[in-house]
Amino acid sequence: MTREEMLAYCLGKPGAWLDRPWEGDEVVKVGSRIFAFLGAPDGTARVGVKCGPSREVADEWLHRFPADARPMPYVGRSGWNALDLGGAIPDDELVEAVDGSYEAVVAKLPRRERPT
């Protein structure tokens, strides 16, 4: 899966929109919250997603894909991992990870911000 394909998939989620909160970095939000970090368009092709409610749950990705998954800086302790695109992680598992991140973020949104 390419970065462009991943971005298109993320933006296809209900209520998803592209934001550039930091110079050169792109994220996809639902409501006011990020559910996917994509980084710089010319950077390494990876997606940062919430992989579980805690670091312990998210660590499963690190054990299964040690070369292509790592805790995200700053938010990794909360269950966020960076997953490389185009590596050993199958595309369908990347899509499932994005779906899980989206659902976890939507569940925490106030009702007025949830997509209809």
PDB file of N, CA and C in Angstrom:
ATOM      1  N   MET A   1       0.853  -1.179   0.000  1.00  0.00           N
ATOM      2  CA  MET A   1       0.000   0.000   0.000  1.00  0.00           C
ATOM      3  C   MET A   1       0.896   1.240   0.000  1.00  0.00           C
ATOM      4  N   THR A   2       0.573   2.177  -0.847  1.00  0.00           N
ATOM      5  CA  THR A   2       1.355   3.403  -0.920  1.00  0.00           C
ATOM      6  C   THR A   2       0.790   4.438   0.065  1.00  0.00           C
ATOM      7  N   ARG A   3       1.554   5.487   0.273  1.00  0.00           N
ATOM      8  CA  ARG A   3       1.094   6.570   1.144  1.00  0.00           C
ATOM      9  C   ARG A   3      -0.176   7.200   0.580  1.00  0.00           C
ATOM     10  N   GLU A   4      -0.221   7.397  -0.735  1.00  0.00           N
ATOM     11  CA  GLU A   4      -1.375   8.010  -1.375  1.00  0.00           C
ATOM     12  C   GLU A   4      -2.626   7.145  -1.201  1.00  0.00           C
ATOM     13  N   GLU A   5      -2.466   5.836  -1.333  1.00  0.00           N
ATOM     14  CA  GLU A   5      -3.596   4.922  -1.138  1.00  0.00           C
ATOM     15  C   GLU A   5      -4.077   4.962   0.312  1.00  0.00           C
ATOM     16  N   MET A   6      -3.134   5.013   1.253  1.00  0.00           N
ATOM     17  CA  MET A   6      -3.505   5.070   2.665  1.00  0.00           C
ATOM     18  C   MET A   6      -4.225   6.380   2.972  1.00  0.00           C
ATOM     19  N   LEU A   7      -3.727   7.485   2.446  1.00  0.00           N
ATOM     20  CA  LEU A   7      -4.376   8.778   2.658  1.00  0.00           C
ATOM     21  C   LEU A   7      -5.804   8.748   2.100  1.00  0.00           C
ATOM     22  N   ALA A   8      -5.967   8.215   0.899  1.00  0.00           N
ATOM     23  CA  ALA A   8      -7.297   8.133   0.288  1.00  0.00           C
ATOM     24  C   ALA A   8      -8.216   7.257   1.137  1.00  0.00           C
ATOM     25  N   TYR A   9      -7.702   6.156   1.661  1.00  0.00           N
ATOM     26  CA  TYR A   9      -8.524   5.285   2.502  1.00  0.00           C
ATOM     27  C   TYR A   9      -8.967   6.027   3.765  1.00  0.00           C
ATOM     28  N   CYS A  10      -8.032   6.690   4.410  1.00  0.00           N
ATOM     29  CA  CYS A  10      -8.353   7.438   5.635  1.00  0.00           C
ATOM     30  C   CYS A  10      -9.394   8.518   5.364  1.00  0.00           C
ATOM     31  N   LEU A  11      -9.228   9.252   4.269  1.00  0.00           N
ATOM     32  CA  LEU A  11     -10.153  10.339   3.945  1.00  0.00           C
ATOM     33  C   LEU A  11     -11.533   9.821   3.528  1.00  0.00           C
ATOM     34  N   GLY A  12     -11.631   8.543   3.208  1.00  0.00           N
ATOM     35  CA  GLY A  12     -12.902   7.946   2.854  1.00  0.00           C
ATOM     36  C   GLY A  12     -13.773   7.604   4.055  1.00  0.00           C
ATOM     37  N   LYS A  13     -13.218   7.720   5.256  1.00  0.00           N
ATOM     38  CA  LYS A  13     -13.981   7.435   6.472  1.00  0.00           C
ATOM     39  C   LYS A  13     -14.988   8.564   6.711  1.00  0.00           C
ATOM     40  N   PRO A  14     -16.171   8.247   7.263  1.00  0.00           N
ATOM     41  CA  PRO A  14     -17.167   9.293   7.530  1.00  0.00           C
ATOM     42  C   PRO A  14     -16.619  10.398   8.437  1.00  0.00           C
ATOM     43  N   GLY A  15     -16.753  11.634   7.986  1.00  0.00           N
ATOM     44  CA  GLY A  15     -16.322  12.789   8.767  1.00  0.00           C
ATOM     45  C   GLY A  15     -14.827  13.046   8.777  1.00  0.00           C
ATOM     46  N   ALA A  16     -14.042  12.274   8.028  1.00  0.00           N
ATOM     47  CA  ALA A  16     -12.578  12.434   8.020  1.00  0.00           C
ATOM     48  C   ALA A  16     -12.171  13.660   7.208  1.00  0.00           C
ATOM     49  N   TRP A  17     -11.126  14.320   7.686  1.00  0.00           N
ATOM     50  CA  TRP A  17     -10.597  15.480   6.965  1.00  0.00           C
ATOM     51  C   TRP A  17      -9.098  15.607   7.204  1.00  0.00           C
ATOM     52  N   LEU A  18      -8.408  16.170   6.222  1.00  0.00           N
ATOM     53  CA  LEU A  18      -6.960  16.335   6.249  1.00  0.00           C
ATOM     54  C   LEU A  18      -6.585  17.616   6.974  1.00  0.00           C
ATOM     55  N   ASP A  19      -5.583  17.524   7.842  1.00  0.00           N
ATOM     56  CA  ASP A  19      -5.081  18.697   8.550  1.00  0.00           C
ATOM     57  C   ASP A  19      -3.563  18.687   8.491  1.00  0.00           C
ATOM     58  N   ARG A  20      -2.981  19.868   8.596  1.00  0.00           N
ATOM     59  CA  ARG A  20      -1.525  20.036   8.625  1.00  0.00           C
ATOM     60  C   ARG A  20      -1.165  20.884   9.849  1.00  0.00           C
ATOM     61  N   PRO A  21      -1.259  20.285  11.054  1.00  0.00           N
ATOM     62  CA  PRO A  21      -1.054  21.067  12.276  1.00  0.00           C
ATOM     63  C   PRO A  21       0.399  21.461  12.521  1.00  0.00           C
ATOM     64  N   TRP A  22       1.331  20.729  11.915  1.00  0.00           N
ATOM     65  CA  TRP A  22       2.748  21.034  12.062  1.00  0.00           C
ATOM     66  C   TRP A  22       3.333  21.185  10.672  1.00  0.00           C
ATOM     67  N   GLU A  23       4.299  22.046  10.539  1.00  0.00           N
ATOM     68  CA  GLU A  23       4.903  22.318   9.234  1.00  0.00           C
ATOM     69  C   GLU A  23       5.382  21.033   8.562  1.00  0.00           C
ATOM     70  N   GLY A  24       4.804  20.733   7.411  1.00  0.00           N
ATOM     71  CA  GLY A  24       5.234  19.594   6.613  1.00  0.00           C
ATOM     72  C   GLY A  24       4.582  18.267   6.973  1.00  0.00           C
ATOM     73  N   ASP A  25       3.851  18.167   8.069  1.00  0.00           N
ATOM     74  CA  ASP A  25       3.233  16.908   8.479  1.00  0.00           C
ATOM     75  C   ASP A  25       1.739  16.921   8.217  1.00  0.00           C
ATOM     76  N   GLU A  26       1.244  15.779   7.781  1.00  0.00           N
ATOM     77  CA  GLU A  26      -0.182  15.634   7.534  1.00  0.00           C
ATOM     78  C   GLU A  26      -0.788  14.616   8.490  1.00  0.00           C
ATOM     79  N   VAL A  27      -1.985  14.922   8.960  1.00  0.00           N
ATOM     80  CA  VAL A  27      -2.738  14.017   9.812  1.00  0.00           C
ATOM     81  C   VAL A  27      -4.168  13.958   9.273  1.00  0.00           C
ATOM     82  N   VAL A  28      -4.867  12.895   9.627  1.00  0.00           N
ATOM     83  CA  VAL A  28      -6.278  12.796   9.271  1.00  0.00           C
ATOM     84  C   VAL A  28      -7.060  12.777  10.577  1.00  0.00           C
ATOM     85  N   LYS A  29      -8.066  13.647  10.624  1.00  0.00           N
ATOM     86  CA  LYS A  29      -8.874  13.802  11.828  1.00  0.00           C
ATOM     87  C   LYS A  29     -10.316  13.413  11.555  1.00  0.00           C
ATOM     88  N   VAL A  30     -10.996  13.094  12.646  1.00  0.00           N
ATOM     89  CA  VAL A  30     -12.447  12.992  12.655  1.00  0.00           C
ATOM     90  C   VAL A  30     -12.890  13.872  13.817  1.00  0.00           C
ATOM     91  N   GLY A  31     -13.814  14.776  13.541  1.00  0.00           N
ATOM     92  CA  GLY A  31     -14.116  15.783  14.553  1.00  0.00           C
ATOM     93  C   GLY A  31     -12.864  16.603  14.798  1.00  0.00           C
ATOM     94  N   SER A  32     -12.506  16.768  16.050  1.00  0.00           N
ATOM     95  CA  SER A  32     -11.316  17.549  16.392  1.00  0.00           C
ATOM     96  C   SER A  32     -10.107  16.673  16.739  1.00  0.00           C
ATOM     97  N   ARG A  33     -10.217  15.375  16.537  1.00  0.00           N
ATOM     98  CA  ARG A  33      -9.155  14.460  16.984  1.00  0.00           C
ATOM     99  C   ARG A  33      -8.502  13.701  15.838  1.00  0.00           C
ATOM    100  N   ILE A  34      -7.221  13.471  15.991  1.00  0.00           N
ATOM    101  CA  ILE A  34      -6.423  12.733  15.004  1.00  0.00           C
ATOM    102  C   ILE A  34      -6.684  11.234  15.169  1.00  0.00           C
ATOM    103  N   PHE A  35      -6.879  10.540  14.035  1.00  0.00           N
ATOM    104  CA  PHE A  35      -6.915   9.087  14.084  1.00  0.00           C
ATOM    105  C   PHE A  35      -5.819   8.455  13.224  1.00  0.00           C
ATOM    106  N   ALA A  36      -5.141   9.253  12.397  1.00  0.00           N
ATOM    107  CA  ALA A  36      -4.030   8.741  11.585  1.00  0.00           C
ATOM    108  C   ALA A  36      -2.994   9.839  11.356  1.00  0.00           C
ATOM    109  N   PHE A  37      -1.753   9.531  11.696  1.00  0.00           N
ATOM    110  CA  PHE A  37      -0.610  10.407  11.416  1.00  0.00           C
ATOM    111  C   PHE A  37       0.051   9.877  10.152  1.00  0.00           C
ATOM    112  N   LEU A  38       0.240  10.738   9.150  1.00  0.00           N
ATOM    113  CA  LEU A  38       0.887  10.303   7.915  1.00  0.00           C
ATOM    114  C   LEU A  38       2.253  10.944   7.707  1.00  0.00           C
ATOM    115  N   GLY A  39       2.590  11.926   8.493  1.00  0.00           N
ATOM    116  CA  GLY A  39       3.890  12.566   8.370  1.00  0.00           C
ATOM    117  C   GLY A  39       3.993  13.419   7.123  1.00  0.00           C
ATOM    118  N   ALA A  40       5.206  13.689   6.710  1.00  0.00           N
ATOM    119  CA  ALA A  40       5.461  14.528   5.540  1.00  0.00           C
ATOM    120  C   ALA A  40       5.241  13.739   4.255  1.00  0.00           C
ATOM    121  N   PRO A  41       4.647  14.364   3.237  1.00  0.00           N
ATOM    122  CA  PRO A  41       4.409  13.664   1.973  1.00  0.00           C
ATOM    123  C   PRO A  41       5.681  13.097   1.341  1.00  0.00           C
ATOM    124  N   ASP A  42       6.811  13.717   1.569  1.00  0.00           N
ATOM    125  CA  ASP A  42       8.060  13.232   0.990  1.00  0.00           C
ATOM    126  C   ASP A  42       8.883  12.417   1.982  1.00  0.00           C
ATOM    127  N   GLY A  43       8.294  12.061   3.114  1.00  0.00           N
ATOM    128  CA  GLY A  43       9.000  11.279   4.131  1.00  0.00           C
ATOM    129  C   GLY A  43       8.777   9.788   3.956  1.00  0.00           C
ATOM    130  N   THR A  44       9.161   9.040   4.970  1.00  0.00           N
ATOM    131  CA  THR A  44       8.973   7.597   4.968  1.00  0.00           C
ATOM    132  C   THR A  44       7.488   7.272   4.940  1.00  0.00           C
ATOM    133  N   ALA A  45       7.111   6.299   4.107  1.00  0.00           N
ATOM    134  CA  ALA A  45       5.698   5.912   3.988  1.00  0.00           C
ATOM    135  C   ALA A  45       5.305   5.072   5.195  1.00  0.00           C
ATOM    136  N   ARG A  46       4.577   5.705   6.122  1.00  0.00           N
ATOM    137  CA  ARG A  46       4.088   5.003   7.310  1.00  0.00           C
ATOM    138  C   ARG A  46       2.839   5.696   7.792  1.00  0.00           C
ATOM    139  N   VAL A  47       2.106   4.992   8.638  1.00  0.00           N
ATOM    140  CA  VAL A  47       0.903   5.564   9.237  1.00  0.00           C
ATOM    141  C   VAL A  47       0.984   5.337  10.742  1.00  0.00           C
ATOM    142  N   GLY A  48       0.661   6.370  11.492  1.00  0.00           N
ATOM    143  CA  GLY A  48       0.607   6.270  12.943  1.00  0.00           C
ATOM    144  C   GLY A  48      -0.832   6.132  13.370  1.00  0.00           C
ATOM    145  N   VAL A  49      -1.145   5.051  14.092  1.00  0.00           N
ATOM    146  CA  VAL A  49      -2.516   4.783  14.501  1.00  0.00           C
ATOM    147  C   VAL A  49      -2.571   4.293  15.936  1.00  0.00           C
ATOM    148  N   LYS A  50      -3.734   4.441  16.535  1.00  0.00           N
ATOM    149  CA  LYS A  50      -3.972   3.930  17.881  1.00  0.00           C
ATOM    150  C   LYS A  50      -4.197   2.432  17.742  1.00  0.00           C
ATOM    151  N   CYS A  51      -3.279   1.639  18.294  1.00  0.00           N
ATOM    152  CA  CYS A  51      -3.311   0.183  18.137  1.00  0.00           C
ATOM    153  C   CYS A  51      -3.843  -0.539  19.368  1.00  0.00           C
ATOM    154  N   GLY A  52      -4.322   0.202  20.329  1.00  0.00           N
ATOM    155  CA  GLY A  52      -4.879  -0.416  21.522  1.00  0.00           C
ATOM    156  C   GLY A  52      -5.048   0.604  22.617  1.00  0.00           C
ATOM    157  N   PRO A  53      -5.787   0.234  23.670  1.00  0.00           N
ATOM    158  CA  PRO A  53      -6.047   1.174  24.753  1.00  0.00           C
ATOM    159  C   PRO A  53      -4.835   1.432  25.651  1.00  0.00           C
ATOM    160  N   SER A  54      -3.807   0.581  25.510  1.00  0.00           N
ATOM    161  CA  SER A  54      -2.615   0.728  26.353  1.00  0.00           C
ATOM    162  C   SER A  54      -1.375   0.299  25.574  1.00  0.00           C
ATOM    163  N   ARG A  55      -0.224   0.608  26.122  1.00  0.00           N
ATOM    164  CA  ARG A  55       1.034   0.220  25.503  1.00  0.00           C
ATOM    165  C   ARG A  55       1.151  -1.303  25.422  1.00  0.00           C
ATOM    166  N   GLU A  56       0.685  -1.998  26.446  1.00  0.00           N
ATOM    167  CA  GLU A  56       0.797  -3.451  26.468  1.00  0.00           C
ATOM    168  C   GLU A  56       0.032  -4.092  25.309  1.00  0.00           C
ATOM    169  N   VAL A  57      -1.175  -3.610  25.038  1.00  0.00           N
ATOM    170  CA  VAL A  57      -1.971  -4.144  23.934  1.00  0.00           C
ATOM    171  C   VAL A  57      -1.322  -3.784  22.596  1.00  0.00           C
ATOM    172  N   ALA A  58      -0.867  -2.563  22.450  1.00  0.00           N
ATOM    173  CA  ALA A  58      -0.251  -2.105  21.197  1.00  0.00           C
ATOM    174  C   ALA A  58       1.066  -2.811  20.903  1.00  0.00           C
ATOM    175  N   ASP A  59       1.717  -3.334  21.937  1.00  0.00           N
ATOM    176  CA  ASP A  59       3.001  -4.023  21.744  1.00  0.00           C
ATOM    177  C   ASP A  59       2.884  -5.295  20.907  1.00  0.00           C
ATOM    178  N   GLU A  60       1.675  -5.835  20.746  1.00  0.00           N
ATOM    179  CA  GLU A  60       1.493  -7.013  19.898  1.00  0.00           C
ATOM    180  C   GLU A  60       2.026  -6.746  18.491  1.00  0.00           C
ATOM    181  N   TRP A  61       1.797  -5.532  17.977  1.00  0.00           N
ATOM    182  CA  TRP A  61       2.292  -5.164  16.650  1.00  0.00           C
ATOM    183  C   TRP A  61       3.810  -5.217  16.597  1.00  0.00           C
ATOM    184  N   LEU A  62       4.471  -4.795  17.659  1.00  0.00           N
ATOM    185  CA  LEU A  62       5.929  -4.788  17.691  1.00  0.00           C
ATOM    186  C   LEU A  62       6.489  -6.200  17.687  1.00  0.00           C
ATOM    187  N   HIS A  63       5.805  -7.119  18.345  1.00  0.00           N
ATOM    188  CA  HIS A  63       6.242  -8.513  18.382  1.00  0.00           C
ATOM    189  C   HIS A  63       6.009  -9.206  17.039  1.00  0.00           C
ATOM    190  N   ARG A  64       4.885  -8.889  16.394  1.00  0.00           N
ATOM    191  CA  ARG A  64       4.556  -9.526  15.111  1.00  0.00           C
ATOM    192  C   ARG A  64       5.368  -8.959  13.946  1.00  0.00           C
ATOM    193  N   PHE A  65       5.652  -7.658  13.988  1.00  0.00           N
ATOM    194  CA  PHE A  65       6.339  -6.994  12.876  1.00  0.00           C
ATOM    195  C   PHE A  65       7.476  -6.120  13.414  1.00  0.00           C
ATOM    196  N   PRO A  66       8.524  -6.737  13.972  1.00  0.00           N
ATOM    197  CA  PRO A  66       9.575  -5.950  14.636  1.00  0.00           C
ATOM    198  C   PRO A  66      10.307  -4.961  13.728  1.00  0.00           C
ATOM    199  N   ALA A  67      10.369  -5.228  12.437  1.00  0.00           N
ATOM    200  CA  ALA A  67      11.078  -4.310  11.532  1.00  0.00           C
ATOM    201  C   ALA A  67      10.182  -3.191  11.010  1.00  0.00           C
ATOM    202  N   ASP A  68       8.856  -3.346  11.133  1.00  0.00           N
ATOM    203  CA  ASP A  68       7.942  -2.406  10.502  1.00  0.00           C
ATOM    204  C   ASP A  68       6.965  -1.722  11.447  1.00  0.00           C
ATOM    205  N   ALA A  69       7.094  -1.956  12.750  1.00  0.00           N
ATOM    206  CA  ALA A  69       6.206  -1.317  13.725  1.00  0.00           C
ATOM    207  C   ALA A  69       7.041  -0.800  14.886  1.00  0.00           C
ATOM    208  N   ARG A  70       6.693   0.383  15.369  1.00  0.00           N
ATOM    209  CA  ARG A  70       7.410   0.972  16.506  1.00  0.00           C
ATOM    210  C   ARG A  70       6.470   1.902  17.253  1.00  0.00           C
ATOM    211  N   PRO A  71       6.705   2.087  18.547  1.00  0.00           N
ATOM    212  CA  PRO A  71       5.875   3.049  19.283  1.00  0.00           C
ATOM    213  C   PRO A  71       6.102   4.454  18.725  1.00  0.00           C
ATOM    214  N   MET A  72       5.044   5.233  18.656  1.00  0.00           N
ATOM    215  CA  MET A  72       5.174   6.608  18.171  1.00  0.00           C
ATOM    216  C   MET A  72       5.774   7.483  19.264  1.00  0.00           C
ATOM    217  N   PRO A  73       6.654   8.408  18.878  1.00  0.00           N
ATOM    218  CA  PRO A  73       7.180   9.351  19.863  1.00  0.00           C
ATOM    219  C   PRO A  73       6.045  10.157  20.495  1.00  0.00           C
ATOM    220  N   TYR A  74       6.190  10.437  21.757  1.00  0.00           N
ATOM    221  CA  TYR A  74       5.274  11.283  22.535  1.00  0.00           C
ATOM    222  C   TYR A  74       3.940  10.616  22.879  1.00  0.00           C
ATOM    223  N   VAL A  75       3.291   9.920  21.945  1.00  0.00           N
ATOM    224  CA  VAL A  75       1.985   9.323  22.219  1.00  0.00           C
ATOM    225  C   VAL A  75       2.030   7.792  22.279  1.00  0.00           C
ATOM    226  N   GLY A  76       3.201   7.221  22.095  1.00  0.00           N
ATOM    227  CA  GLY A  76       3.349   5.769  22.105  1.00  0.00           C
ATOM    228  C   GLY A  76       2.902   5.127  23.397  1.00  0.00           C
ATOM    229  N   ARG A  77       3.109   5.804  24.505  1.00  0.00           N
ATOM    230  CA  ARG A  77       2.723   5.226  25.801  1.00  0.00           C
ATOM    231  C   ARG A  77       1.213   5.039  25.906  1.00  0.00           C
ATOM    232  N   SER A  78       0.456   5.724  25.045  1.00  0.00           N
ATOM    233  CA  SER A  78      -1.008   5.626  25.048  1.00  0.00           C
ATOM    234  C   SER A  78      -1.531   4.627  24.023  1.00  0.00           C
ATOM    235  N   GLY A  79      -0.660   3.800  23.469  1.00  0.00           N
ATOM    236  CA  GLY A  79      -1.084   2.765  22.526  1.00  0.00           C
ATOM    237  C   GLY A  79      -0.977   3.118  21.058  1.00  0.00           C
ATOM    238  N   TRP A  80      -0.236   4.188  20.727  1.00  0.00           N
ATOM    239  CA  TRP A  80      -0.060   4.588  19.331  1.00  0.00           C
ATOM    240  C   TRP A  80       1.225   3.985  18.768  1.00  0.00           C
ATOM    241  N   ASN A  81       1.122   3.390  17.566  1.00  0.00           N
ATOM    242  CA  ASN A  81       2.277   2.829  16.867  1.00  0.00           C
ATOM    243  C   ASN A  81       2.409   3.456  15.485  1.00  0.00           C
ATOM    244  N   ALA A  82       3.635   3.511  14.997  1.00  0.00           N
ATOM    245  CA  ALA A  82       3.910   3.875  13.609  1.00  0.00           C
ATOM    246  C   ALA A  82       4.112   2.575  12.842  1.00  0.00           C
ATOM    247  N   LEU A  83       3.329   2.371  11.794  1.00  0.00           N
ATOM    248  CA  LEU A  83       3.382   1.154  10.988  1.00  0.00           C
ATOM    249  C   LEU A  83       3.859   1.510   9.584  1.00  0.00           C
ATOM    250  N   ASP A  84       4.942   0.846   9.149  1.00  0.00           N
ATOM    251  CA  ASP A  84       5.488   1.122   7.824  1.00  0.00           C
ATOM    252  C   ASP A  84       4.563   0.585   6.735  1.00  0.00           C
ATOM    253  N   LEU A  85       4.420   1.355   5.670  1.00  0.00           N
ATOM    254  CA  LEU A  85       3.647   0.937   4.504  1.00  0.00           C
ATOM    255  C   LEU A  85       4.588   0.276   3.505  1.00  0.00           C
ATOM    256  N   GLY A  86       4.111  -0.736   2.817  1.00  0.00           N
ATOM    257  CA  GLY A  86       4.923  -1.387   1.793  1.00  0.00           C
ATOM    258  C   GLY A  86       5.958  -2.341   2.341  1.00  0.00           C
ATOM    259  N   GLY A  87       5.862  -2.691   3.615  1.00  0.00           N
ATOM    260  CA  GLY A  87       6.812  -3.625   4.218  1.00  0.00           C
ATOM    261  C   GLY A  87       6.166  -4.977   4.463  1.00  0.00           C
ATOM    262  N   ALA A  88       6.478  -5.568   5.603  1.00  0.00           N
ATOM    263  CA  ALA A  88       5.992  -6.907   5.944  1.00  0.00           C
ATOM    264  C   ALA A  88       4.545  -6.925   6.419  1.00  0.00           C
ATOM    265  N   ILE A  89       4.002  -5.781   6.806  1.00  0.00           N
ATOM    266  CA  ILE A  89       2.624  -5.753   7.297  1.00  0.00           C
ATOM    267  C   ILE A  89       1.676  -5.806   6.098  1.00  0.00           C
ATOM    268  N   PRO A  90       0.826  -6.843   6.040  1.00  0.00           N
ATOM    269  CA  PRO A  90      -0.101  -6.945   4.899  1.00  0.00           C
ATOM    270  C   PRO A  90      -1.060  -5.754   4.851  1.00  0.00           C
ATOM    271  N   ASP A  91      -1.448  -5.383   3.633  1.00  0.00           N
ATOM    272  CA  ASP A  91      -2.344  -4.238   3.436  1.00  0.00           C
ATOM    273  C   ASP A  91      -3.644  -4.383   4.214  1.00  0.00           C
ATOM    274  N   ASP A  92      -4.209  -5.596   4.261  1.00  0.00           N
ATOM    275  CA  ASP A  92      -5.478  -5.765   4.965  1.00  0.00           C
ATOM    276  C   ASP A  92      -5.317  -5.529   6.467  1.00  0.00           C
ATOM    277  N   GLU A  93      -4.156  -5.829   7.017  1.00  0.00           N
ATOM    278  CA  GLU A  93      -3.921  -5.559   8.438  1.00  0.00           C
ATOM    279  C   GLU A  93      -3.700  -4.067   8.690  1.00  0.00           C
ATOM    280  N   LEU A  94      -3.083  -3.382   7.737  1.00  0.00           N
ATOM    281  CA  LEU A  94      -2.939  -1.926   7.853  1.00  0.00           C
ATOM    282  C   LEU A  94      -4.314  -1.262   7.844  1.00  0.00           C
ATOM    283  N   VAL A  95      -5.182  -1.731   6.958  1.00  0.00           N
ATOM    284  CA  VAL A  95      -6.540  -1.197   6.880  1.00  0.00           C
ATOM    285  C   VAL A  95      -7.288  -1.469   8.185  1.00  0.00           C
ATOM    286  N   GLU A  96      -7.146  -2.671   8.732  1.00  0.00           N
ATOM    287  CA  GLU A  96      -7.785  -3.001  10.013  1.00  0.00           C
ATOM    288  C   GLU A  96      -7.272  -2.099  11.131  1.00  0.00           C
ATOM    289  N   ALA A  97      -5.974  -1.790  11.111  1.00  0.00           N
ATOM    290  CA  ALA A  97      -5.397  -0.915  12.139  1.00  0.00           C
ATOM    291  C   ALA A  97      -5.980   0.485  12.036  1.00  0.00           C
ATOM    292  N   VAL A  98      -6.127   0.996  10.826  1.00  0.00           N
ATOM    293  CA  VAL A  98      -6.731   2.315  10.631  1.00  0.00           C
ATOM    294  C   VAL A  98      -8.187   2.290  11.086  1.00  0.00           C
ATOM    295  N   ASP A  99      -8.904   1.234  10.726  1.00  0.00           N
ATOM    296  CA  ASP A  99     -10.302   1.108  11.142  1.00  0.00           C
ATOM    297  C   ASP A  99     -10.423   1.124  12.667  1.00  0.00           C
ATOM    298  N   GLY A 100      -9.548   0.378  13.336  1.00  0.00           N
ATOM    299  CA  GLY A 100      -9.571   0.331  14.797  1.00  0.00           C
ATOM    300  C   GLY A 100      -9.251   1.671  15.420  1.00  0.00           C
ATOM    301  N   SER A 101      -8.286   2.383  14.847  1.00  0.00           N
ATOM    302  CA  SER A 101      -7.914   3.701  15.349  1.00  0.00           C
ATOM    303  C   SER A 101      -9.073   4.675  15.183  1.00  0.00           C
ATOM    304  N   TYR A 102      -9.688   4.648  14.008  1.00  0.00           N
ATOM    305  CA  TYR A 102     -10.829   5.516  13.729  1.00  0.00           C
ATOM    306  C   TYR A 102     -11.954   5.250  14.731  1.00  0.00           C
ATOM    307  N   GLU A 103     -12.287   3.986  14.911  1.00  0.00           N
ATOM    308  CA  GLU A 103     -13.381   3.624  15.821  1.00  0.00           C
ATOM    309  C   GLU A 103     -13.066   4.035  17.262  1.00  0.00           C
ATOM    310  N   ALA A 104     -11.818   3.847  17.692  1.00  0.00           N
ATOM    311  CA  ALA A 104     -11.436   4.230  19.053  1.00  0.00           C
ATOM    312  C   ALA A 104     -11.550   5.740  19.254  1.00  0.00           C
ATOM    313  N   VAL A 105     -11.142   6.505  18.259  1.00  0.00           N
ATOM    314  CA  VAL A 105     -11.199   7.961  18.363  1.00  0.00           C
ATOM    315  C   VAL A 105     -12.649   8.445  18.316  1.00  0.00           C
ATOM    316  N   VAL A 106     -13.451   7.896  17.411  1.00  0.00           N
ATOM    317  CA  VAL A 106     -14.863   8.297  17.324  1.00  0.00           C
ATOM    318  C   VAL A 106     -15.582   8.005  18.637  1.00  0.00           C
ATOM    319  N   ALA A 107     -15.275   6.882  19.253  1.00  0.00           N
ATOM    320  CA  ALA A 107     -15.933   6.505  20.515  1.00  0.00           C
ATOM    321  C   ALA A 107     -15.669   7.512  21.628  1.00  0.00           C
ATOM    322  N   LYS A 108     -14.535   8.207  21.561  1.00  0.00           N
ATOM    323  CA  LYS A 108     -14.167   9.185  22.598  1.00  0.00           C
ATOM    324  C   LYS A 108     -14.631  10.608  22.274  1.00  0.00           C
ATOM    325  N   LEU A 109     -15.138  10.819  21.064  1.00  0.00           N
ATOM    326  CA  LEU A 109     -15.599  12.155  20.682  1.00  0.00           C
ATOM    327  C   LEU A 109     -16.901  12.502  21.397  1.00  0.00           C
ATOM    328  N   PRO A 110     -17.084  13.779  21.705  1.00  0.00           N
ATOM    329  CA  PRO A 110     -18.403  14.205  22.193  1.00  0.00           C
ATOM    330  C   PRO A 110     -19.436  13.933  21.087  1.00  0.00           C
ATOM    331  N   ARG A 111     -20.642  13.654  21.454  1.00  0.00           N
ATOM    332  CA  ARG A 111     -21.695  13.316  20.469  1.00  0.00           C
ATOM    333  C   ARG A 111     -21.821  14.362  19.364  1.00  0.00           C
ATOM    334  N   ARG A 112     -21.669  15.619  19.698  1.00  0.00           N
ATOM    335  CA  ARG A 112     -21.848  16.681  18.689  1.00  0.00           C
ATOM    336  C   ARG A 112     -20.761  16.643  17.618  1.00  0.00           C
ATOM    337  N   GLU A 113     -19.613  15.999  17.896  1.00  0.00           N
ATOM    338  CA  GLU A 113     -18.528  15.919  16.920  1.00  0.00           C
ATOM    339  C   GLU A 113     -18.511  14.615  16.155  1.00  0.00           C
ATOM    340  N   ARG A 114     -19.322  13.646  16.529  1.00  0.00           N
ATOM    341  CA  ARG A 114     -19.315  12.340  15.862  1.00  0.00           C
ATOM    342  C   ARG A 114     -19.964  12.456  14.489  1.00  0.00           C
ATOM    343  N   PRO A 115     -19.390  11.724  13.522  1.00  0.00           N
ATOM    344  CA  PRO A 115     -19.992  11.750  12.177  1.00  0.00           C
ATOM    345  C   PRO A 115     -21.374  11.086  12.195  1.00  0.00           C
ATOM    346  N   THR A 116     -22.219  11.537  11.315  1.00  0.00           N
ATOM    347  CA  THR A 116     -23.582  10.975  11.267  1.00  0.00           C
ATOM    348  C   THR A 116     -23.683   9.839  10.283  1.00  0.00           C
TER     349      THR A 116
END
